[in-house]
């Protein structure tokens, strides 16, 4: 009897055709969930290791090099001379503390502005108004960083709009440390509003109603109910505002006058001084500060809010 072809094989025949390597590999991935997950994450993890962690490793290694003061050549011999200079010379300690103060001030200003705005958006405004307010907050992010910074430079100039707002030419803050904090607070404010707004949206209205039923006034409700619930969101926003302010060098050059921050020193040593190892050593300061900050807040739940 002639063997039945594949087309003529009866429906009840359980004979299975041999599978190819692609199909066998697909079945193996289906059975091994861990291998499937590793395959999906391999490309982004490889990019993270090479592009981000690799660049940080190069930064730390180059911070151990020096520049020959006579020839200007790069000396690739490990030494902690750059870090000793940063730690012993007062000017670098002063600039580091000033940079920390600016970043902390910007964060505090943004929190004070963002809390009432986010609360109004999440709990008071109508759904339609809420969408319009979110768009209004996101709109400045579409504009160029330099355009916004130079717009503030015009407003803060001697005889500019801010001066006349305070009563005449020379009465405004002008260029300097206060102007730097003001402009950075404006630039990074959306990064504080949005996490707090997301946290307040998840806050049940029943908690606010229960607080009112128990006789708590508005201020007590905010302190005892709202703030503890949205603290992770506030910390999440502070990670953005603090880190972005700590590493910024453009705004202080535009409106900072003679003010120097860490970013300015890094830029100056890369350009005019042509001392890349010392710039790398200076650049490790904000990196280490942010690592310490992230480790300190990791148990607050803020990292889950990002």
C-alpha atoms as a PDB file:
ATOM      1  CA  UNK A   1       0.000   0.000   0.000  1.00  0.00           C
ATOM      2  CA  UNK A   2       1.294   3.456  -0.885  1.00  0.00           C
ATOM      3  CA  UNK A   3       2.121   5.666   2.121  1.00  0.00           C
ATOM      4  CA  UNK A   4      -0.232   8.586   2.680  1.00  0.00           C
ATOM      5  CA  UNK A   5       1.167  12.025   1.897  1.00  0.00           C
ATOM      6  CA  UNK A   6       1.063  14.830   4.409  1.00  0.00           C
ATOM      7  CA  UNK A   7      -1.936  16.345   2.617  1.00  0.00           C
ATOM      8  CA  UNK A   8      -3.896  13.047   2.577  1.00  0.00           C
ATOM      9  CA  UNK A   9      -3.100  12.110   6.211  1.00  0.00           C
ATOM     10  CA  UNK A  10      -6.307  11.480   8.180  1.00  0.00           C
ATOM     11  CA  UNK A  11      -7.347  13.915  10.860  1.00  0.00           C
ATOM     12  CA  UNK A  12      -6.951  11.320  13.591  1.00  0.00           C
ATOM     13  CA  UNK A  13      -3.321  10.583  12.734  1.00  0.00           C
ATOM     14  CA  UNK A  14      -1.114  11.825  15.618  1.00  0.00           C
ATOM     15  CA  UNK A  15       2.115  11.812  13.645  1.00  0.00           C
ATOM     16  CA  UNK A  16       4.001  15.103  14.323  1.00  0.00           C
ATOM     17  CA  UNK A  17       6.223  16.601  11.661  1.00  0.00           C
ATOM     18  CA  UNK A  18       9.820  17.305  12.740  1.00  0.00           C
ATOM     19  CA  UNK A  19      10.320  20.838  14.075  1.00  0.00           C
ATOM     20  CA  UNK A  20      12.987  23.235  12.875  1.00  0.00           C
ATOM     21  CA  UNK A  21      15.625  24.887  15.094  1.00  0.00           C
ATOM     22  CA  UNK A  22      13.715  28.186  15.301  1.00  0.00           C
ATOM     23  CA  UNK A  23      10.581  26.445  16.543  1.00  0.00           C
ATOM     24  CA  UNK A  24      12.533  24.357  19.059  1.00  0.00           C
ATOM     25  CA  UNK A  25      14.259  27.497  20.364  1.00  0.00           C
ATOM     26  CA  UNK A  26      10.895  29.251  20.649  1.00  0.00           C
ATOM     27  CA  UNK A  27       9.472  26.345  22.645  1.00  0.00           C
ATOM     28  CA  UNK A  28      12.519  26.347  24.917  1.00  0.00           C
ATOM     29  CA  UNK A  29      12.074  30.075  25.608  1.00  0.00           C
ATOM     30  CA  UNK A  30       8.406  29.467  26.365  1.00  0.00           C
ATOM     31  CA  UNK A  31       9.356  26.921  29.021  1.00  0.00           C
ATOM     32  CA  UNK A  32      12.131  29.033  30.566  1.00  0.00           C
ATOM     33  CA  UNK A  33      10.714  32.358  31.707  1.00  0.00           C
ATOM     34  CA  UNK A  34      14.009  33.619  33.135  1.00  0.00           C
ATOM     35  CA  UNK A  35      15.832  33.105  29.851  1.00  0.00           C
ATOM     36  CA  UNK A  36      13.032  34.902  27.992  1.00  0.00           C
ATOM     37  CA  UNK A  37      13.249  37.876  30.358  1.00  0.00           C
ATOM     38  CA  UNK A  38      17.046  37.955  30.087  1.00  0.00           C
ATOM     39  CA  UNK A  39      16.800  37.996  26.295  1.00  0.00           C
ATOM     40  CA  UNK A  40      14.364  40.915  26.347  1.00  0.00           C
ATOM     41  CA  UNK A  41      16.502  42.961  28.741  1.00  0.00           C
ATOM     42  CA  UNK A  42      19.907  42.124  27.281  1.00  0.00           C
ATOM     43  CA  UNK A  43      19.967  44.954  24.721  1.00  0.00           C
ATOM     44  CA  UNK A  44      18.971  47.824  27.080  1.00  0.00           C
ATOM     45  CA  UNK A  45      21.205  46.455  29.855  1.00  0.00           C
ATOM     46  CA  UNK A  46      24.127  46.248  27.447  1.00  0.00           C
ATOM     47  CA  UNK A  47      23.503  49.849  26.401  1.00  0.00           C
ATOM     48  CA  UNK A  48      23.331  50.902  30.069  1.00  0.00           C
ATOM     49  CA  UNK A  49      26.599  49.132  30.886  1.00  0.00           C
ATOM     50  CA  UNK A  50      28.479  50.476  27.869  1.00  0.00           C
ATOM     51  CA  UNK A  51      27.084  53.996  27.476  1.00  0.00           C
ATOM     52  CA  UNK A  52      26.325  55.012  31.061  1.00  0.00           C
ATOM     53  CA  UNK A  53      28.281  52.920  33.519  1.00  0.00           C
ATOM     54  CA  UNK A  54      31.167  52.723  31.053  1.00  0.00           C
ATOM     55  CA  UNK A  55      31.353  56.508  30.800  1.00  0.00           C
ATOM     56  CA  UNK A  56      31.291  56.811  34.597  1.00  0.00           C
ATOM     57  CA  UNK A  57      34.123  54.301  34.832  1.00  0.00           C
ATOM     58  CA  UNK A  58      36.149  56.339  32.330  1.00  0.00           C
ATOM     59  CA  UNK A  59      35.398  59.468  34.356  1.00  0.00           C
ATOM     60  CA  UNK A  60      36.677  57.936  37.588  1.00  0.00           C
ATOM     61  CA  UNK A  61      39.777  56.484  35.935  1.00  0.00           C
ATOM     62  CA  UNK A  62      40.696  59.738  34.195  1.00  0.00           C
ATOM     63  CA  UNK A  63      40.253  61.589  37.504  1.00  0.00           C
ATOM     64  CA  UNK A  64      43.328  59.670  38.730  1.00  0.00           C
ATOM     65  CA  UNK A  65      45.512  61.034  35.928  1.00  0.00           C
ATOM     66  CA  UNK A  66      47.352  64.343  35.887  1.00  0.00           C
ATOM     67  CA  UNK A  67      48.633  66.892  33.379  1.00  0.00           C
ATOM     68  CA  UNK A  68      52.308  67.760  33.140  1.00  0.00           C
ATOM     69  CA  UNK A  69      52.517  71.399  34.162  1.00  0.00           C
ATOM     70  CA  UNK A  70      55.502  72.051  31.835  1.00  0.00           C
ATOM     71  CA  UNK A  71      54.570  70.209  28.623  1.00  0.00           C
ATOM     72  CA  UNK A  72      50.804  70.011  29.078  1.00  0.00           C
ATOM     73  CA  UNK A  73      50.884  66.286  28.237  1.00  0.00           C
ATOM     74  CA  UNK A  74      48.525  63.834  29.886  1.00  0.00           C
ATOM     75  CA  UNK A  75      50.243  61.627  32.490  1.00  0.00           C
ATOM     76  CA  UNK A  76      48.377  58.322  32.774  1.00  0.00           C
ATOM     77  CA  UNK A  77      49.755  57.309  36.161  1.00  0.00           C
ATOM     78  CA  UNK A  78      47.207  56.728  38.963  1.00  0.00           C
ATOM     79  CA  UNK A  79      47.408  59.316  41.718  1.00  0.00           C
ATOM     80  CA  UNK A  80      45.043  61.055  44.113  1.00  0.00           C
ATOM     81  CA  UNK A  81      46.688  64.457  43.603  1.00  0.00           C
ATOM     82  CA  UNK A  82      43.552  65.970  42.032  1.00  0.00           C
ATOM     83  CA  UNK A  83      41.375  64.858  44.939  1.00  0.00           C
ATOM     84  CA  UNK A  84      43.942  66.130  47.464  1.00  0.00           C
ATOM     85  CA  UNK A  85      43.864  69.523  45.757  1.00  0.00           C
ATOM     86  CA  UNK A  86      40.071  69.622  45.891  1.00  0.00           C
ATOM     87  CA  UNK A  87      40.054  68.598  49.543  1.00  0.00           C
ATOM     88  CA  UNK A  88      42.792  70.915  50.777  1.00  0.00           C
ATOM     89  CA  UNK A  89      42.190  74.156  48.878  1.00  0.00           C
ATOM     90  CA  UNK A  90      39.455  76.285  50.407  1.00  0.00           C
ATOM     91  CA  UNK A  91      38.135  77.630  47.123  1.00  0.00           C
ATOM     92  CA  UNK A  92      36.922  74.198  46.036  1.00  0.00           C
ATOM     93  CA  UNK A  93      35.285  73.486  49.385  1.00  0.00           C
ATOM     94  CA  UNK A  94      33.542  76.854  49.182  1.00  0.00           C
ATOM     95  CA  UNK A  95      32.288  76.204  45.660  1.00  0.00           C
ATOM     96  CA  UNK A  96      31.066  72.737  46.653  1.00  0.00           C
ATOM     97  CA  UNK A  97      29.136  74.077  49.639  1.00  0.00           C
ATOM     98  CA  UNK A  98      27.723  76.900  47.498  1.00  0.00           C
ATOM     99  CA  UNK A  99      26.574  74.404  44.879  1.00  0.00           C
ATOM    100  CA  UNK A 100      24.912  72.280  47.560  1.00  0.00           C
ATOM    101  CA  UNK A 101      23.210  75.375  48.975  1.00  0.00           C
ATOM    102  CA  UNK A 102      21.905  76.427  45.551  1.00  0.00           C
ATOM    103  CA  UNK A 103      20.575  72.937  44.809  1.00  0.00           C
ATOM    104  CA  UNK A 104      18.884  72.747  48.228  1.00  0.00           C
ATOM    105  CA  UNK A 105      17.394  76.238  47.875  1.00  0.00           C
ATOM    106  CA  UNK A 106      16.007  75.459  44.424  1.00  0.00           C
ATOM    107  CA  UNK A 107      14.453  72.262  45.771  1.00  0.00           C
ATOM    108  CA  UNK A 108      12.814  74.053  48.725  1.00  0.00           C
ATOM    109  CA  UNK A 109      11.456  76.847  46.508  1.00  0.00           C
ATOM    110  CA  UNK A 110      10.031  74.336  44.032  1.00  0.00           C
ATOM    111  CA  UNK A 111       8.397  72.307  46.813  1.00  0.00           C
ATOM    112  CA  UNK A 112       6.742  75.422  48.270  1.00  0.00           C
ATOM    113  CA  UNK A 113       5.388  76.410  44.850  1.00  0.00           C
ATOM    114  CA  UNK A 114       4.517  72.915  43.634  1.00  0.00           C
ATOM    115  CA  UNK A 115       2.509  71.742  46.659  1.00  0.00           C
ATOM    116  CA  UNK A 116      -0.432  74.202  46.368  1.00  0.00           C
ATOM    117  CA  UNK A 117      -0.403  74.025  42.568  1.00  0.00           C
ATOM    118  CA  UNK A 118      -0.451  70.219  42.528  1.00  0.00           C
ATOM    119  CA  UNK A 119      -3.119  70.081  45.242  1.00  0.00           C
ATOM    120  CA  UNK A 120      -5.369  72.449  43.297  1.00  0.00           C
ATOM    121  CA  UNK A 121      -4.893  70.399  40.127  1.00  0.00           C
ATOM    122  CA  UNK A 122      -5.555  67.043  41.782  1.00  0.00           C
ATOM    123  CA  UNK A 123      -8.320  67.861  44.277  1.00  0.00           C
ATOM    124  CA  UNK A 124      -9.994  71.153  43.348  1.00  0.00           C
ATOM    125  CA  UNK A 125      -9.926  71.697  39.585  1.00  0.00           C
ATOM    126  CA  UNK A 126     -12.502  70.078  37.322  1.00  0.00           C
ATOM    127  CA  UNK A 127     -11.341  67.224  35.045  1.00  0.00           C
ATOM    128  CA  UNK A 128     -11.277  69.528  32.014  1.00  0.00           C
ATOM    129  CA  UNK A 129      -9.354  72.251  33.843  1.00  0.00           C
ATOM    130  CA  UNK A 130      -7.000  69.599  35.197  1.00  0.00           C
ATOM    131  CA  UNK A 131      -6.009  68.540  31.691  1.00  0.00           C
ATOM    132  CA  UNK A 132      -5.453  72.153  30.645  1.00  0.00           C
ATOM    133  CA  UNK A 133      -3.284  72.801  33.711  1.00  0.00           C
ATOM    134  CA  UNK A 134      -1.145  69.726  33.014  1.00  0.00           C
ATOM    135  CA  UNK A 135      -0.627  70.956  29.452  1.00  0.00           C
ATOM    136  CA  UNK A 136       0.262  74.436  30.748  1.00  0.00           C
ATOM    137  CA  UNK A 137       2.880  72.959  33.084  1.00  0.00           C
ATOM    138  CA  UNK A 138       4.381  70.770  30.371  1.00  0.00           C
ATOM    139  CA  UNK A 139       4.468  73.537  27.760  1.00  0.00           C
ATOM    140  CA  UNK A 140       7.650  75.261  29.088  1.00  0.00           C
ATOM    141  CA  UNK A 141       9.503  71.950  28.717  1.00  0.00           C
ATOM    142  CA  UNK A 142       9.007  72.161  24.951  1.00  0.00           C
ATOM    143  CA  UNK A 143      10.940  75.441  24.761  1.00  0.00           C
ATOM    144  CA  UNK A 144      14.714  75.583  24.466  1.00  0.00           C
ATOM    145  CA  UNK A 145      16.695  75.725  27.704  1.00  0.00           C
ATOM    146  CA  UNK A 146      18.836  78.574  26.356  1.00  0.00           C
ATOM    147  CA  UNK A 147      15.827  80.587  25.205  1.00  0.00           C
ATOM    148  CA  UNK A 148      14.311  80.446  28.694  1.00  0.00           C
ATOM    149  CA  UNK A 149      17.597  81.267  30.417  1.00  0.00           C
ATOM    150  CA  UNK A 150      18.310  84.255  28.159  1.00  0.00           C
ATOM    151  CA  UNK A 151      14.717  85.455  28.558  1.00  0.00           C
ATOM    152  CA  UNK A 152      15.355  85.606  32.296  1.00  0.00           C
ATOM    153  CA  UNK A 153      18.621  87.435  31.636  1.00  0.00           C
ATOM    154  CA  UNK A 154      16.661  90.144  29.814  1.00  0.00           C
ATOM    155  CA  UNK A 155      14.090  90.360  32.609  1.00  0.00           C
ATOM    156  CA  UNK A 156      16.757  90.559  35.334  1.00  0.00           C
ATOM    157  CA  UNK A 157      18.923  93.107  33.511  1.00  0.00           C
ATOM    158  CA  UNK A 158      19.494  96.548  35.022  1.00  0.00           C
ATOM    159  CA  UNK A 159      16.403  98.582  34.195  1.00  0.00           C
ATOM    160  CA  UNK A 160      14.550  95.464  33.063  1.00  0.00           C
ATOM    161  CA  UNK A 161      11.009  94.338  33.953  1.00  0.00           C
ATOM    162  CA  UNK A 162      12.019  92.853  37.313  1.00  0.00           C
ATOM    163  CA  UNK A 163      13.743  96.091  38.354  1.00  0.00           C
ATOM    164  CA  UNK A 164      10.681  98.157  37.514  1.00  0.00           C
ATOM    165  CA  UNK A 165       8.494  95.642  39.349  1.00  0.00           C
ATOM    166  CA  UNK A 166      10.474  96.447  42.520  1.00  0.00           C
ATOM    167  CA  UNK A 167      10.227 100.209  42.015  1.00  0.00           C
ATOM    168  CA  UNK A 168      12.863 101.246  39.488  1.00  0.00           C
ATOM    169  CA  UNK A 169      16.246 100.583  37.974  1.00  0.00           C
ATOM    170  CA  UNK A 170      18.683  98.874  40.319  1.00  0.00           C
ATOM    171  CA  UNK A 171      16.035  97.707  42.802  1.00  0.00           C
ATOM    172  CA  UNK A 172      15.811  94.143  41.499  1.00  0.00           C
ATOM    173  CA  UNK A 173      18.091  91.216  42.359  1.00  0.00           C
ATOM    174  CA  UNK A 174      20.220  91.697  39.244  1.00  0.00           C
ATOM    175  CA  UNK A 175      22.720  89.006  38.310  1.00  0.00           C
ATOM    176  CA  UNK A 176      24.155  86.823  41.034  1.00  0.00           C
ATOM    177  CA  UNK A 177      23.385  83.951  43.375  1.00  0.00           C
ATOM    178  CA  UNK A 178      19.761  84.960  43.977  1.00  0.00           C
ATOM    179  CA  UNK A 179      19.139  85.203  40.227  1.00  0.00           C
ATOM    180  CA  UNK A 180      20.658  81.753  39.747  1.00  0.00           C
ATOM    181  CA  UNK A 181      18.316  80.225  42.335  1.00  0.00           C
ATOM    182  CA  UNK A 182      15.336  82.052  40.816  1.00  0.00           C
ATOM    183  CA  UNK A 183      16.006  80.901  37.254  1.00  0.00           C
ATOM    184  CA  UNK A 184      16.834  77.316  38.219  1.00  0.00           C
ATOM    185  CA  UNK A 185      13.639  77.152  40.295  1.00  0.00           C
ATOM    186  CA  UNK A 186      11.664  78.205  37.240  1.00  0.00           C
ATOM    187  CA  UNK A 187      13.443  75.765  34.925  1.00  0.00           C
ATOM    188  CA  UNK A 188      12.970  72.669  37.108  1.00  0.00           C
ATOM    189  CA  UNK A 189       9.548  73.461  38.610  1.00  0.00           C
ATOM    190  CA  UNK A 190       7.630  71.065  36.289  1.00  0.00           C
ATOM    191  CA  UNK A 191       9.810  68.193  37.500  1.00  0.00           C
ATOM    192  CA  UNK A 192       8.541  68.841  41.023  1.00  0.00           C
ATOM    193  CA  UNK A 193       4.894  69.518  40.207  1.00  0.00           C
ATOM    194  CA  UNK A 194       4.256  66.367  38.185  1.00  0.00           C
ATOM    195  CA  UNK A 195       5.397  63.768  40.781  1.00  0.00           C
ATOM    196  CA  UNK A 196       3.494  65.560  43.552  1.00  0.00           C
ATOM    197  CA  UNK A 197       0.408  65.808  41.330  1.00  0.00           C
ATOM    198  CA  UNK A 198       0.609  62.066  40.584  1.00  0.00           C
ATOM    199  CA  UNK A 199       0.914  61.319  44.317  1.00  0.00           C
ATOM    200  CA  UNK A 200      -2.056  63.519  45.198  1.00  0.00           C
ATOM    201  CA  UNK A 201      -4.190  61.908  42.523  1.00  0.00           C
ATOM    202  CA  UNK A 202      -3.667  58.553  44.241  1.00  0.00           C
ATOM    203  CA  UNK A 203      -4.635  60.036  47.615  1.00  0.00           C
ATOM    204  CA  UNK A 204      -8.254  58.938  48.339  1.00  0.00           C
ATOM    205  CA  UNK A 205     -10.698  61.781  48.920  1.00  0.00           C
ATOM    206  CA  UNK A 206     -12.215  59.700  51.724  1.00  0.00           C
ATOM    207  CA  UNK A 207      -9.120  60.354  53.870  1.00  0.00           C
ATOM    208  CA  UNK A 208      -9.607  64.107  53.562  1.00  0.00           C
ATOM    209  CA  UNK A 209     -13.313  63.755  54.350  1.00  0.00           C
ATOM    210  CA  UNK A 210     -12.567  61.560  57.357  1.00  0.00           C
ATOM    211  CA  UNK A 211     -10.069  64.126  58.667  1.00  0.00           C
ATOM    212  CA  UNK A 212     -12.685  66.869  58.320  1.00  0.00           C
ATOM    213  CA  UNK A 213     -15.327  64.709  60.044  1.00  0.00           C
ATOM    214  CA  UNK A 214     -12.960  64.223  62.984  1.00  0.00           C
ATOM    215  CA  UNK A 215     -12.700  67.995  63.380  1.00  0.00           C
ATOM    216  CA  UNK A 216      -9.279  68.611  61.849  1.00  0.00           C
ATOM    217  CA  UNK A 217      -8.781  71.984  60.222  1.00  0.00           C
ATOM    218  CA  UNK A 218      -7.189  72.406  56.809  1.00  0.00           C
ATOM    219  CA  UNK A 219      -3.671  72.954  58.129  1.00  0.00           C
ATOM    220  CA  UNK A 220      -3.868  69.921  60.428  1.00  0.00           C
ATOM    221  CA  UNK A 221      -5.172  67.770  57.562  1.00  0.00           C
ATOM    222  CA  UNK A 222      -2.277  68.827  55.378  1.00  0.00           C
ATOM    223  CA  UNK A 223       0.296  68.098  58.095  1.00  0.00           C
ATOM    224  CA  UNK A 224      -1.176  64.853  59.398  1.00  0.00           C
ATOM    225  CA  UNK A 225      -2.717  63.297  56.283  1.00  0.00           C
ATOM    226  CA  UNK A 226      -1.540  64.851  53.029  1.00  0.00           C
ATOM    227  CA  UNK A 227       2.175  65.381  53.632  1.00  0.00           C
ATOM    228  CA  UNK A 228       2.926  61.890  55.037  1.00  0.00           C
ATOM    229  CA  UNK A 229       1.117  60.291  52.104  1.00  0.00           C
ATOM    230  CA  UNK A 230       2.848  62.302  49.379  1.00  0.00           C
ATOM    231  CA  UNK A 231       6.303  62.460  50.979  1.00  0.00           C
ATOM    232  CA  UNK A 232       7.700  59.838  48.544  1.00  0.00           C
ATOM    233  CA  UNK A 233       6.429  61.957  45.643  1.00  0.00           C
ATOM    234  CA  UNK A 234       8.072  65.075  47.092  1.00  0.00           C
ATOM    235  CA  UNK A 235      11.370  63.217  47.488  1.00  0.00           C
ATOM    236  CA  UNK A 236      11.047  61.882  43.935  1.00  0.00           C
ATOM    237  CA  UNK A 237      10.659  65.423  42.640  1.00  0.00           C
ATOM    238  CA  UNK A 238      13.583  66.575  44.761  1.00  0.00           C
ATOM    239  CA  UNK A 239      15.828  63.997  43.081  1.00  0.00           C
ATOM    240  CA  UNK A 240      15.224  65.782  39.773  1.00  0.00           C
ATOM    241  CA  UNK A 241      15.479  69.362  41.026  1.00  0.00           C
ATOM    242  CA  UNK A 242      18.459  68.720  43.302  1.00  0.00           C
ATOM    243  CA  UNK A 243      20.524  66.751  40.788  1.00  0.00           C
ATOM    244  CA  UNK A 244      19.767  69.064  37.851  1.00  0.00           C
ATOM    245  CA  UNK A 245      20.642  72.155  39.894  1.00  0.00           C
ATOM    246  CA  UNK A 246      23.780  70.570  41.331  1.00  0.00           C
ATOM    247  CA  UNK A 247      25.249  69.861  37.901  1.00  0.00           C
ATOM    248  CA  UNK A 248      24.030  72.951  36.047  1.00  0.00           C
ATOM    249  CA  UNK A 249      26.601  75.369  34.653  1.00  0.00           C
ATOM    250  CA  UNK A 250      24.768  77.232  31.877  1.00  0.00           C
ATOM    251  CA  UNK A 251      22.305  79.213  33.987  1.00  0.00           C
ATOM    252  CA  UNK A 252      24.976  80.458  36.369  1.00  0.00           C
ATOM    253  CA  UNK A 253      27.031  81.639  33.397  1.00  0.00           C
ATOM    254  CA  UNK A 254      24.056  83.526  31.975  1.00  0.00           C
ATOM    255  CA  UNK A 255      22.562  85.136  35.111  1.00  0.00           C
ATOM    256  CA  UNK A 256      25.045  84.267  37.872  1.00  0.00           C
ATOM    257  CA  UNK A 257      27.393  87.195  37.411  1.00  0.00           C
ATOM    258  CA  UNK A 258      30.638  86.298  39.205  1.00  0.00           C
ATOM    259  CA  UNK A 259      29.097  83.327  41.007  1.00  0.00           C
ATOM    260  CA  UNK A 260      30.973  80.049  40.615  1.00  0.00           C
ATOM    261  CA  UNK A 261      29.459  76.582  40.983  1.00  0.00           C
ATOM    262  CA  UNK A 262      30.906  73.119  40.432  1.00  0.00           C
ATOM    263  CA  UNK A 263      29.679  73.049  36.857  1.00  0.00           C
ATOM    264  CA  UNK A 264      31.540  76.265  36.030  1.00  0.00           C
ATOM    265  CA  UNK A 265      34.796  74.874  37.388  1.00  0.00           C
ATOM    266  CA  UNK A 266      34.395  71.673  35.383  1.00  0.00           C
ATOM    267  CA  UNK A 267      33.725  73.657  32.222  1.00  0.00           C
ATOM    268  CA  UNK A 268      36.650  76.043  32.841  1.00  0.00           C
ATOM    269  CA  UNK A 269      39.144  73.228  33.396  1.00  0.00           C
ATOM    270  CA  UNK A 270      38.003  71.434  30.247  1.00  0.00           C
ATOM    271  CA  UNK A 271      38.219  74.554  28.080  1.00  0.00           C
ATOM    272  CA  UNK A 272      40.629  77.298  29.097  1.00  0.00           C
ATOM    273  CA  UNK A 273      42.815  75.308  31.502  1.00  0.00           C
ATOM    274  CA  UNK A 274      42.848  72.160  29.318  1.00  0.00           C
ATOM    275  CA  UNK A 275      43.060  70.003  32.443  1.00  0.00           C
ATOM    276  CA  UNK A 276      40.707  67.124  31.737  1.00  0.00           C
ATOM    277  CA  UNK A 277      41.784  64.946  34.728  1.00  0.00           C
ATOM    278  CA  UNK A 278      41.087  67.750  37.213  1.00  0.00           C
ATOM    279  CA  UNK A 279      37.712  68.368  35.547  1.00  0.00           C
ATOM    280  CA  UNK A 280      36.932  64.672  35.926  1.00  0.00           C
ATOM    281  CA  UNK A 281      37.861  64.835  39.610  1.00  0.00           C
ATOM    282  CA  UNK A 282      35.567  67.831  40.096  1.00  0.00           C
ATOM    283  CA  UNK A 283      32.771  66.072  38.211  1.00  0.00           C
ATOM    284  CA  UNK A 284      32.886  63.146  40.616  1.00  0.00           C
ATOM    285  CA  UNK A 285      31.741  65.424  43.454  1.00  0.00           C
ATOM    286  CA  UNK A 286      28.089  65.786  42.294  1.00  0.00           C
ATOM    287  CA  UNK A 287      28.042  62.114  41.275  1.00  0.00           C
ATOM    288  CA  UNK A 288      29.084  61.003  44.762  1.00  0.00           C
ATOM    289  CA  UNK A 289      26.672  63.458  46.396  1.00  0.00           C
ATOM    290  CA  UNK A 290      23.765  62.065  44.362  1.00  0.00           C
ATOM    291  CA  UNK A 291      24.772  58.474  45.135  1.00  0.00           C
ATOM    292  CA  UNK A 292      24.718  59.282  48.857  1.00  0.00           C
ATOM    293  CA  UNK A 293      21.358  61.052  48.459  1.00  0.00           C
ATOM    294  CA  UNK A 294      19.792  58.142  46.560  1.00  0.00           C
ATOM    295  CA  UNK A 295      21.040  55.646  49.124  1.00  0.00           C
ATOM    296  CA  UNK A 296      19.594  57.821  51.898  1.00  0.00           C
ATOM    297  CA  UNK A 297      16.102  58.019  50.335  1.00  0.00           C
ATOM    298  CA  UNK A 298      15.848  54.519  48.893  1.00  0.00           C
ATOM    299  CA  UNK A 299      13.660  53.292  51.801  1.00  0.00           C
ATOM    300  CA  UNK A 300      11.192  56.156  51.515  1.00  0.00           C
ATOM    301  CA  UNK A 301       9.560  54.711  48.383  1.00  0.00           C
ATOM    302  CA  UNK A 302      10.634  57.716  46.319  1.00  0.00           C
ATOM    303  CA  UNK A 303      12.433  55.620  43.708  1.00  0.00           C
ATOM    304  CA  UNK A 304       9.147  53.834  42.915  1.00  0.00           C
ATOM    305  CA  UNK A 305       7.577  57.239  42.179  1.00  0.00           C
ATOM    306  CA  UNK A 306      10.076  58.087  39.416  1.00  0.00           C
END
